Amino acid sequence: MSPQNLPQVRLPVTEPAFVQNPYPLLAQLREEQPVFFDPEMNRVVLTRHADIGAVLRDKRFGRSALHRYSRDELGWPPPDPAQRHFDAFNGNHLLDSEPPKHTRLRSLVGLAFTPRRVEGLGVRIEAILAEQLRGLGHRGAFDLVADYAEPLPVTVIAELLGVPPEARAMLRPWSAAIVRLYEPSVGPSQQAEAERAVLDFSALLRDLSQQRRLRPQDDLITALVQAEEAGDRLSEQELIDTCILLLNAGHEASVNGLAAGVLALLREREHWDLLVAAAPREDSLPLFRRAAEELLRFDTPLPMFERIVLEPLELYGATLQPGDRVSLLYASGNRDPRKFDQPDILKLDRDPNPHLTFGLGIHYCLGAPLARLELALSLRALCRALPRLRLANADEPGQYTGGFVIRGLARLDVVAD
């Protein structure tokens, strides 16, 4: 694909300086070349909120095209045997499926993953946070990512699914290996790690699903085993791949959103102090919910998502064919001044806040209510327990993992005075 009438721009998604701070370049592109073709990624790229929203709602674009066309018809190369298990997983869960399969899977999963079930987790989330924070204040310095941001969402989704404590140690490493393959450029070692992670993860979930068929429990795996609508059920492989997706999606945005959010707050101390002052009040949760929305907009943990063209169409003067790929820069759309007043300024009470972080349309993130609740409660608990928290090194506060599709801090050193 090389669309005519579009400027060509190489987006430096693998360069550390861009991953560290993509916003100046995104602002320039948004004004000067809002739609362009990246020859290295072989994608049309959109930067403005309105354009991204239009594609997300347009049924001529999807997360997959293989429900309509063969790889030969799309002009795609044969599947890479080095990642066959990852590709099989990717083609079998609801995120990368299209109607009617997507409708069926989302409906079945929705029977088990309900907003009521999520809201009911609030008390348990607060208990986990209290236990985590009990020891951190006495340690002085600690890594906010490993010691606070990671444990909660991994524990919550593991408990929600019904993964026993002794099997949880590998969940985060498995997830990290799998989601790394969503980046534009991956090597053989990363493919091998993802393949092993899919196989090991699948073996664990296959064993657990078989146990739940014999001995049901009050957990999401049991609910998915039993989920039924119009006589339909999830197959065992669909159940396994759905559970892998739920664990990956159920904590990646929460971990990265919380770490980046705390970094933003500690860099602009007046915002942190405002939240600290409000945190002790029992009625403070709505404030923290609004703050969570703004932090997810301000530094987006999922900066770039992809859609695939499903039928011939014209896009901003470029002729696209089925199988062509379009990258949507959520991080840019979330800073678009056409949609947000003073978008580069953190406004914790911003309302309305129509950010793109969880997507739009039929693929809107199923786990968004859980991510929002976790982020709001995590921020409030941290402000209550460690009000004098500060960055250990304000000049070099955070180290990023290097990914851009899923962008997050590898560590964030802080001090609890």
Protein backbone atom coordinates (compact mmCIF):
# COMPACT_ATOMS: atom_id res chain seq x y z
CA MET A 1 0.00 0.00 0.00
CA SER A 2 1.29 3.42 -0.94
CA PRO A 3 -1.67 5.84 -1.11
CA GLN A 4 -1.35 8.79 -3.43
CA ASN A 5 -2.19 12.32 -2.24
CA LEU A 6 -0.91 11.74 1.29
CA PRO A 7 2.38 13.06 2.69
CA GLN A 8 4.85 10.41 3.81
CA VAL A 9 6.06 10.63 7.40
CA ARG A 10 8.02 8.14 9.44
CA LEU A 11 6.67 8.06 12.98
CA PRO A 12 9.63 7.19 15.27
CA VAL A 13 7.70 4.73 17.43
CA THR A 14 10.80 2.73 18.37
CA GLU A 15 12.99 5.69 19.34
CA PRO A 16 13.36 6.16 23.12
CA ALA A 17 13.16 9.95 22.97
CA PHE A 18 9.80 9.80 21.20
CA VAL A 19 8.42 7.13 23.54
CA GLN A 20 9.56 9.23 26.51
CA ASN A 21 7.70 12.33 25.25
CA PRO A 22 5.72 11.96 22.01
CA TYR A 23 3.57 15.04 22.49
CA PRO A 24 5.63 17.79 20.78
CA LEU A 25 5.90 15.81 17.54
CA LEU A 26 2.25 14.75 17.73
CA ALA A 27 1.21 18.40 18.11
CA GLN A 28 3.26 19.36 15.05
CA LEU A 29 1.82 16.55 12.95
CA ARG A 30 -1.71 17.32 14.10
CA GLU A 31 -1.39 20.86 12.74
CA GLU A 32 0.79 20.34 9.67
CA GLN A 33 0.15 16.76 8.45
CA PRO A 34 -2.91 15.44 10.32
CA VAL A 35 -3.28 12.48 7.94
CA PHE A 36 -0.17 10.85 6.52
CA PHE A 37 1.27 7.58 5.29
CA ASP A 38 4.06 5.90 7.24
CA PRO A 39 6.05 3.81 4.73
CA GLU A 40 7.91 1.91 7.46
CA MET A 41 4.76 0.78 9.26
CA ASN A 42 2.87 0.61 5.91
CA ARG A 43 -0.10 2.42 7.43
CA VAL A 44 -2.18 5.53 7.01
CA VAL A 45 -2.00 7.44 10.31
CA LEU A 46 -4.65 9.77 11.76
CA THR A 47 -3.87 12.34 14.46
CA ARG A 48 -7.02 14.42 15.05
CA HIS A 49 -9.81 13.53 17.49
CA ALA A 50 -12.66 13.94 14.99
CA ASP A 51 -10.96 11.83 12.31
CA ILE A 52 -10.10 9.08 14.78
CA GLY A 53 -13.63 9.04 16.18
CA ALA A 54 -15.12 8.83 12.69
CA VAL A 55 -13.03 5.76 11.80
CA LEU A 56 -13.81 4.05 15.12
CA ARG A 57 -17.54 4.37 14.40
CA ASP A 58 -17.30 3.48 10.70
CA LYS A 59 -18.28 -0.14 9.96
CA ARG A 60 -16.07 -0.10 6.85
CA PHE A 61 -13.14 -0.46 9.26
CA GLY A 62 -12.59 -3.35 11.65
CA ARG A 63 -10.10 -5.13 13.86
CA SER A 64 -9.92 -8.06 11.43
CA ALA A 65 -10.60 -8.66 7.75
CA LEU A 66 -10.15 -12.43 7.67
CA HIS A 67 -13.87 -13.02 8.31
CA ARG A 68 -14.47 -11.62 4.81
CA TYR A 69 -11.35 -12.36 2.78
CA SER A 70 -8.53 -14.86 2.51
CA ARG A 71 -4.96 -13.72 3.03
CA ASP A 72 -4.36 -14.14 -0.71
CA GLU A 73 -7.32 -11.88 -1.53
CA LEU A 74 -5.95 -9.25 0.85
CA GLY A 75 -2.44 -9.52 -0.55
CA TRP A 76 -1.12 -10.52 2.87
CA PRO A 77 1.83 -12.88 3.24
CA PRO A 78 1.28 -16.34 4.76
CA PRO A 79 1.12 -16.47 8.57
CA ASP A 80 4.48 -16.45 10.29
CA PRO A 81 5.03 -19.96 11.70
CA ALA A 82 7.17 -18.42 14.45
CA GLN A 83 4.04 -16.94 16.03
CA ARG A 84 1.32 -19.40 15.07
CA HIS A 85 -0.01 -19.81 18.62
CA PHE A 86 -0.11 -16.06 19.14
CA ASP A 87 -1.93 -15.61 15.82
CA ALA A 88 -4.43 -18.34 16.72
CA PHE A 89 -5.09 -16.65 20.06
CA ASN A 90 -5.41 -13.27 18.35
CA GLY A 91 -7.95 -14.58 15.87
CA ASN A 92 -10.12 -16.22 18.49
CA HIS A 93 -10.94 -13.52 21.05
CA LEU A 94 -13.45 -10.70 20.84
CA LEU A 95 -10.99 -7.78 20.49
CA ASP A 96 -9.78 -8.94 17.06
CA SER A 97 -13.05 -10.35 15.77
CA GLU A 98 -15.89 -8.74 13.86
CA PRO A 99 -19.66 -9.35 13.73
CA PRO A 100 -21.28 -11.77 13.87
CA LYS A 101 -18.57 -13.53 15.90
CA HIS A 102 -17.73 -10.38 17.87
CA THR A 103 -21.39 -9.81 18.72
CA ARG A 104 -21.74 -13.38 19.97
CA LEU A 105 -18.54 -13.34 22.04
CA ARG A 106 -19.17 -9.92 23.58
CA SER A 107 -22.72 -10.86 24.46
CA LEU A 108 -21.61 -14.06 26.18
CA VAL A 109 -18.71 -12.42 28.01
CA GLY A 110 -20.98 -9.53 28.98
CA LEU A 111 -23.25 -11.95 30.85
CA ALA A 112 -20.36 -12.70 33.18
CA PHE A 113 -18.38 -9.45 33.16
CA THR A 114 -21.17 -7.14 34.29
CA PRO A 115 -20.95 -3.55 35.64
CA ARG A 116 -22.65 -4.76 38.83
CA ARG A 117 -19.92 -7.35 39.35
CA VAL A 118 -17.26 -4.69 38.77
CA GLU A 119 -18.79 -2.14 41.16
CA GLY A 120 -19.10 -4.86 43.76
CA LEU A 121 -15.32 -5.17 43.72
CA GLY A 122 -14.83 -1.77 45.36
CA VAL A 123 -14.57 -3.07 48.94
CA ARG A 124 -12.12 -5.80 47.91
CA ILE A 125 -10.02 -3.32 45.92
CA GLU A 126 -9.72 -1.03 48.93
CA ALA A 127 -8.68 -3.95 51.16
CA ILE A 128 -5.93 -4.96 48.70
CA LEU A 129 -4.71 -1.36 48.50
CA ALA A 130 -4.62 -1.02 52.29
CA GLU A 131 -2.49 -4.16 52.56
CA GLN A 132 -0.11 -2.94 49.85
CA LEU A 133 0.33 0.47 51.46
CA ARG A 134 0.82 -0.86 54.97
CA GLY A 135 4.48 -1.53 54.40
CA LEU A 136 5.40 1.07 51.79
CA GLY A 137 5.39 4.07 54.09
CA HIS A 138 8.09 2.48 56.25
CA ARG A 139 10.37 1.67 53.32
CA GLY A 140 11.19 5.24 52.38
CA ALA A 141 12.09 4.81 48.73
CA PHE A 142 10.29 2.34 46.48
CA ASP A 143 9.38 1.67 42.84
CA LEU A 144 5.80 2.80 42.36
CA VAL A 145 5.33 0.54 39.32
CA ALA A 146 6.43 -2.79 40.81
CA ASP A 147 5.43 -2.10 44.41
CA TYR A 148 2.07 -0.37 43.94
CA ALA A 149 0.77 0.00 40.38
CA GLU A 150 1.25 -3.62 39.28
CA PRO A 151 0.01 -5.76 42.18
CA LEU A 152 -3.56 -4.43 42.46
CA PRO A 153 -4.93 -4.91 38.91
CA VAL A 154 -3.15 -8.26 38.53
CA THR A 155 -4.60 -9.46 41.84
CA VAL A 156 -8.08 -8.14 41.04
CA ILE A 157 -8.37 -9.69 37.58
CA ALA A 158 -6.81 -12.94 38.85
CA GLU A 159 -9.35 -13.10 41.68
CA LEU A 160 -12.17 -12.13 39.32
CA LEU A 161 -11.21 -14.91 36.92
CA GLY A 162 -10.52 -17.40 39.70
CA VAL A 163 -6.78 -17.94 39.19
CA PRO A 164 -5.42 -19.33 42.51
CA PRO A 165 -2.69 -17.35 44.34
CA GLU A 166 0.00 -19.96 43.68
CA ALA A 167 -0.50 -19.61 39.91
CA ARG A 168 -0.36 -15.80 39.71
CA ALA A 169 3.37 -15.12 39.72
CA MET A 170 3.70 -15.57 35.95
CA LEU A 171 0.57 -13.68 34.89
CA ARG A 172 2.26 -10.29 34.51
CA PRO A 173 5.35 -11.69 32.67
CA TRP A 174 3.13 -13.74 30.36
CA SER A 175 0.99 -10.71 29.60
CA ALA A 176 4.02 -8.50 28.97
CA ALA A 177 5.43 -11.05 26.51
CA ILE A 178 2.12 -11.37 24.64
CA VAL A 179 1.31 -7.66 24.28
CA ARG A 180 4.83 -6.92 23.06
CA LEU A 181 3.83 -8.46 19.71
CA TYR A 182 1.33 -5.64 19.17
CA GLU A 183 4.23 -3.24 18.63
CA PRO A 184 5.10 -2.39 15.00
CA SER A 185 8.53 -4.02 15.13
CA VAL A 186 9.36 -7.26 16.94
CA GLY A 187 12.26 -9.69 16.73
CA PRO A 188 12.58 -13.50 16.84
CA SER A 189 13.29 -13.58 20.58
CA GLN A 190 10.14 -11.58 21.31
CA GLN A 191 8.10 -13.88 19.08
CA ALA A 192 9.47 -16.92 20.91
CA GLU A 193 8.67 -15.41 24.32
CA ALA A 194 5.12 -14.62 23.23
CA GLU A 195 4.62 -18.13 21.86
CA ARG A 196 5.76 -19.68 25.14
CA ALA A 197 3.56 -17.30 27.10
CA VAL A 198 0.44 -18.17 25.05
CA LEU A 199 1.11 -21.91 25.45
CA ASP A 200 1.79 -21.73 29.19
CA PHE A 201 -1.09 -19.36 29.83
CA SER A 202 -3.43 -21.59 27.81
CA ALA A 203 -2.38 -24.70 29.73
CA LEU A 204 -3.17 -23.03 33.05
CA LEU A 205 -6.57 -21.78 31.89
CA ARG A 206 -7.49 -25.09 30.25
CA ASP A 207 -6.85 -26.85 33.54
CA LEU A 208 -8.86 -24.27 35.50
CA SER A 209 -11.80 -24.35 33.08
CA GLN A 210 -11.96 -28.14 33.32
CA GLN A 211 -11.93 -27.88 37.11
CA ARG A 212 -14.78 -25.33 37.05
CA ARG A 213 -16.93 -27.56 34.83
CA LEU A 214 -16.71 -30.22 37.54
CA ARG A 215 -16.71 -27.92 40.59
CA PRO A 216 -18.22 -24.48 39.87
CA GLN A 217 -17.08 -21.53 41.98
CA ASP A 218 -18.02 -17.86 42.30
CA ASP A 219 -15.57 -16.59 39.70
CA LEU A 220 -15.44 -15.40 36.12
CA ILE A 221 -14.08 -18.65 34.66
CA THR A 222 -17.10 -20.48 36.09
CA ALA A 223 -19.41 -17.76 34.80
CA LEU A 224 -17.87 -18.02 31.33
CA VAL A 225 -18.15 -21.81 31.42
CA GLN A 226 -21.82 -21.42 32.26
CA ALA A 227 -22.57 -18.37 30.11
CA GLU A 228 -25.39 -19.20 27.76
CA GLU A 229 -27.53 -17.14 25.45
CA ALA A 230 -29.92 -18.60 22.92
CA GLY A 231 -28.41 -22.02 23.51
CA ASP A 232 -24.89 -20.84 22.65
CA ARG A 233 -21.77 -21.27 24.74
CA LEU A 234 -18.11 -20.41 24.52
CA SER A 235 -16.01 -23.24 23.16
CA GLU A 236 -13.09 -24.26 25.37
CA GLN A 237 -10.60 -22.48 23.12
CA GLU A 238 -12.76 -19.36 22.96
CA LEU A 239 -13.00 -19.39 26.75
CA ILE A 240 -9.23 -19.76 27.14
CA ASP A 241 -8.41 -17.00 24.66
CA THR A 242 -11.06 -14.72 26.16
CA CYS A 243 -9.59 -15.19 29.64
CA ILE A 244 -6.08 -14.39 28.34
CA LEU A 245 -7.46 -11.24 26.71
CA LEU A 246 -9.31 -10.22 29.87
CA LEU A 247 -6.21 -10.59 31.98
CA ASN A 248 -4.03 -8.69 29.51
CA ALA A 249 -6.55 -5.91 28.94
CA GLY A 250 -7.65 -6.01 32.58
CA HIS A 251 -4.39 -4.73 33.95
CA GLU A 252 -2.15 -3.20 31.27
CA ALA A 253 -4.09 0.08 31.07
CA SER A 254 -4.53 0.19 34.85
CA VAL A 255 -0.83 -0.31 35.60
CA ASN A 256 0.39 2.15 33.00
CA GLY A 257 -2.37 4.68 33.63
CA LEU A 258 -1.72 4.80 37.37
CA ALA A 259 2.07 5.08 37.08
CA ALA A 260 1.91 7.81 34.42
CA GLY A 261 -0.83 9.56 36.34
CA VAL A 262 1.15 9.69 39.59
CA LEU A 263 4.17 10.94 37.66
CA ALA A 264 2.10 13.77 36.16
CA LEU A 265 0.67 14.71 39.56
CA LEU A 266 4.05 14.73 41.32
CA ARG A 267 5.56 16.82 38.54
CA GLU A 268 2.84 19.43 39.08
CA ARG A 269 2.65 19.39 42.84
CA GLU A 270 -0.39 21.63 43.20
CA HIS A 271 -2.55 18.89 41.64
CA TRP A 272 -1.20 16.26 44.00
CA ASP A 273 -1.78 18.55 46.99
CA LEU A 274 -5.36 19.23 45.88
CA LEU A 275 -6.10 15.50 45.82
CA VAL A 276 -4.33 14.95 49.15
CA ALA A 277 -6.51 17.61 50.76
CA ALA A 278 -9.69 15.98 49.44
CA ALA A 279 -8.73 12.32 49.99
CA PRO A 280 -9.79 11.93 53.65
CA ARG A 281 -13.39 12.90 52.88
CA GLU A 282 -15.81 10.02 52.39
CA ASP A 283 -17.49 11.90 49.53
CA SER A 284 -14.23 12.39 47.61
CA LEU A 285 -14.56 9.49 45.17
CA PRO A 286 -16.33 11.53 42.43
CA LEU A 287 -13.37 13.95 42.44
CA PHE A 288 -10.94 11.06 42.05
CA ARG A 289 -13.05 9.57 39.27
CA ARG A 290 -12.85 12.86 37.33
CA ALA A 291 -9.12 13.06 38.04
CA ALA A 292 -8.67 9.52 36.72
CA GLU A 293 -10.41 10.46 33.45
CA GLU A 294 -8.15 13.48 33.02
CA LEU A 295 -4.99 11.50 33.74
CA LEU A 296 -6.02 8.86 31.17
CA ARG A 297 -6.48 11.67 28.64
CA PHE A 298 -3.37 13.62 29.55
CA ASP A 299 -0.89 10.74 29.22
CA THR A 300 -2.58 7.94 27.31
CA PRO A 301 -1.44 4.41 28.26
CA LEU A 302 -2.57 3.04 24.87
CA PRO A 303 -1.34 5.71 22.43
CA MET A 304 -1.96 3.94 19.11
CA PHE A 305 -4.58 1.47 17.95
CA GLU A 306 -5.21 -0.02 14.52
CA ARG A 307 -8.14 -0.58 12.21
CA ILE A 308 -8.21 -2.60 8.99
CA VAL A 309 -10.10 -1.52 5.87
CA LEU A 310 -12.97 -3.90 5.09
CA GLU A 311 -14.14 -2.52 1.73
CA PRO A 312 -12.77 -0.14 -0.94
CA LEU A 313 -13.06 3.47 0.19
CA GLU A 314 -11.67 6.97 -0.07
CA LEU A 315 -10.00 8.42 3.03
CA TYR A 316 -8.89 12.05 2.83
CA GLY A 317 -8.13 11.76 -0.86
CA ALA A 318 -6.39 8.39 -0.58
CA THR A 319 -7.88 5.27 -2.15
CA LEU A 320 -7.72 2.33 0.27
CA GLN A 321 -8.42 -1.34 -0.37
CA PRO A 322 -9.53 -4.20 1.92
CA GLY A 323 -6.65 -5.26 4.14
CA ASP A 324 -5.01 -1.82 4.25
CA ARG A 325 -4.20 -0.70 7.79
CA VAL A 326 -4.97 2.59 9.49
CA SER A 327 -3.27 3.63 12.73
CA LEU A 328 -5.20 5.87 15.11
CA LEU A 329 -3.07 8.03 17.39
CA TYR A 330 -5.24 8.16 20.51
CA ALA A 331 -2.49 10.06 22.32
CA SER A 332 -2.69 12.79 19.70
CA GLY A 333 -6.48 12.90 19.59
CA ASN A 334 -6.54 13.22 23.38
CA ARG A 335 -4.47 16.43 23.08
CA ASP A 336 -6.39 17.91 20.14
CA PRO A 337 -7.24 21.58 20.85
CA ARG A 338 -10.23 21.28 18.51
CA LYS A 339 -11.81 18.98 21.12
CA PHE A 340 -10.22 20.00 24.43
CA ASP A 341 -9.65 23.44 25.91
CA GLN A 342 -5.94 23.88 26.77
CA PRO A 343 -5.24 20.18 26.12
CA ASP A 344 -1.61 20.29 27.27
CA ILE A 345 -2.66 21.48 30.71
CA LEU A 346 -3.74 19.02 33.40
CA LYS A 347 -7.25 19.94 34.59
CA LEU A 348 -8.45 17.43 37.17
CA ASP A 349 -12.02 18.74 37.07
CA ARG A 350 -12.28 18.68 33.26
CA ASP A 351 -15.90 18.01 32.33
CA PRO A 352 -16.92 16.81 29.84
CA ASN A 353 -13.87 14.73 28.99
CA PRO A 354 -14.51 12.77 25.78
CA HIS A 355 -11.08 11.15 25.59
CA LEU A 356 -10.39 8.24 23.26
CA THR A 357 -8.41 6.07 25.67
CA PHE A 358 -10.95 3.23 25.77
CA GLY A 359 -11.95 3.54 22.12
CA LEU A 360 -15.42 4.04 20.61
CA GLY A 361 -17.96 1.95 18.75
CA ILE A 362 -18.44 -1.80 19.00
CA HIS A 363 -14.88 -2.36 20.21
CA TYR A 364 -15.19 0.03 23.14
CA CYS A 365 -13.16 -1.47 25.98
CA LEU A 366 -15.20 -4.01 27.95
CA GLY A 367 -12.92 -3.53 30.97
CA ALA A 368 -13.18 0.27 31.08
CA PRO A 369 -15.40 0.36 34.21
CA LEU A 370 -12.90 -1.79 36.11
CA ALA A 371 -9.90 0.26 34.98
CA ARG A 372 -11.65 3.48 35.98
CA LEU A 373 -12.60 2.16 39.42
CA GLU A 374 -9.12 0.80 40.09
CA LEU A 375 -7.43 4.04 39.08
CA ALA A 376 -9.72 6.26 41.17
CA LEU A 377 -9.46 4.07 44.28
CA SER A 378 -5.69 3.59 43.88
CA LEU A 379 -5.10 7.33 43.65
CA ARG A 380 -7.27 8.07 46.68
CA ALA A 381 -5.65 5.37 48.80
CA LEU A 382 -2.16 6.59 47.85
CA CYS A 383 -3.03 10.21 48.69
CA ARG A 384 -4.48 9.17 52.05
CA ALA A 385 -1.61 6.92 53.06
CA LEU A 386 1.41 8.80 51.66
CA PRO A 387 0.49 12.50 51.36
CA ARG A 388 4.13 13.66 51.22
CA LEU A 389 5.08 11.28 48.42
CA ARG A 390 7.66 12.77 46.04
CA LEU A 391 9.81 11.78 43.08
CA ALA A 392 13.19 10.33 44.03
CA ASN A 393 14.80 12.09 41.07
CA ALA A 394 12.81 14.95 39.57
CA ASP A 395 15.29 15.36 36.69
CA GLU A 396 15.02 11.74 35.51
CA PRO A 397 11.85 10.46 37.15
CA GLY A 398 10.79 7.54 34.98
CA GLN A 399 12.09 4.79 32.71
CA TYR A 400 9.79 3.66 29.90
CA THR A 401 9.51 0.08 28.66
CA GLY A 402 10.18 1.08 25.05
CA GLY A 403 6.77 0.16 23.65
CA PHE A 404 4.49 2.73 22.05
CA VAL A 405 1.31 0.83 21.20
CA ILE A 406 1.20 -0.02 24.90
CA ARG A 407 3.25 2.69 26.56
CA GLY A 408 4.21 2.52 30.20
CA LEU A 409 6.86 3.17 32.78
CA ALA A 410 9.21 0.31 33.53
CA ARG A 411 9.82 1.87 36.97
CA LEU A 412 9.11 5.07 38.86
CA ASP A 413 11.27 5.70 41.92
CA VAL A 414 9.47 7.65 44.64
CA VAL A 415 10.11 8.55 48.29
CA ALA A 416 7.55 8.48 51.07
CA ASP A 417 8.80 11.03 53.62
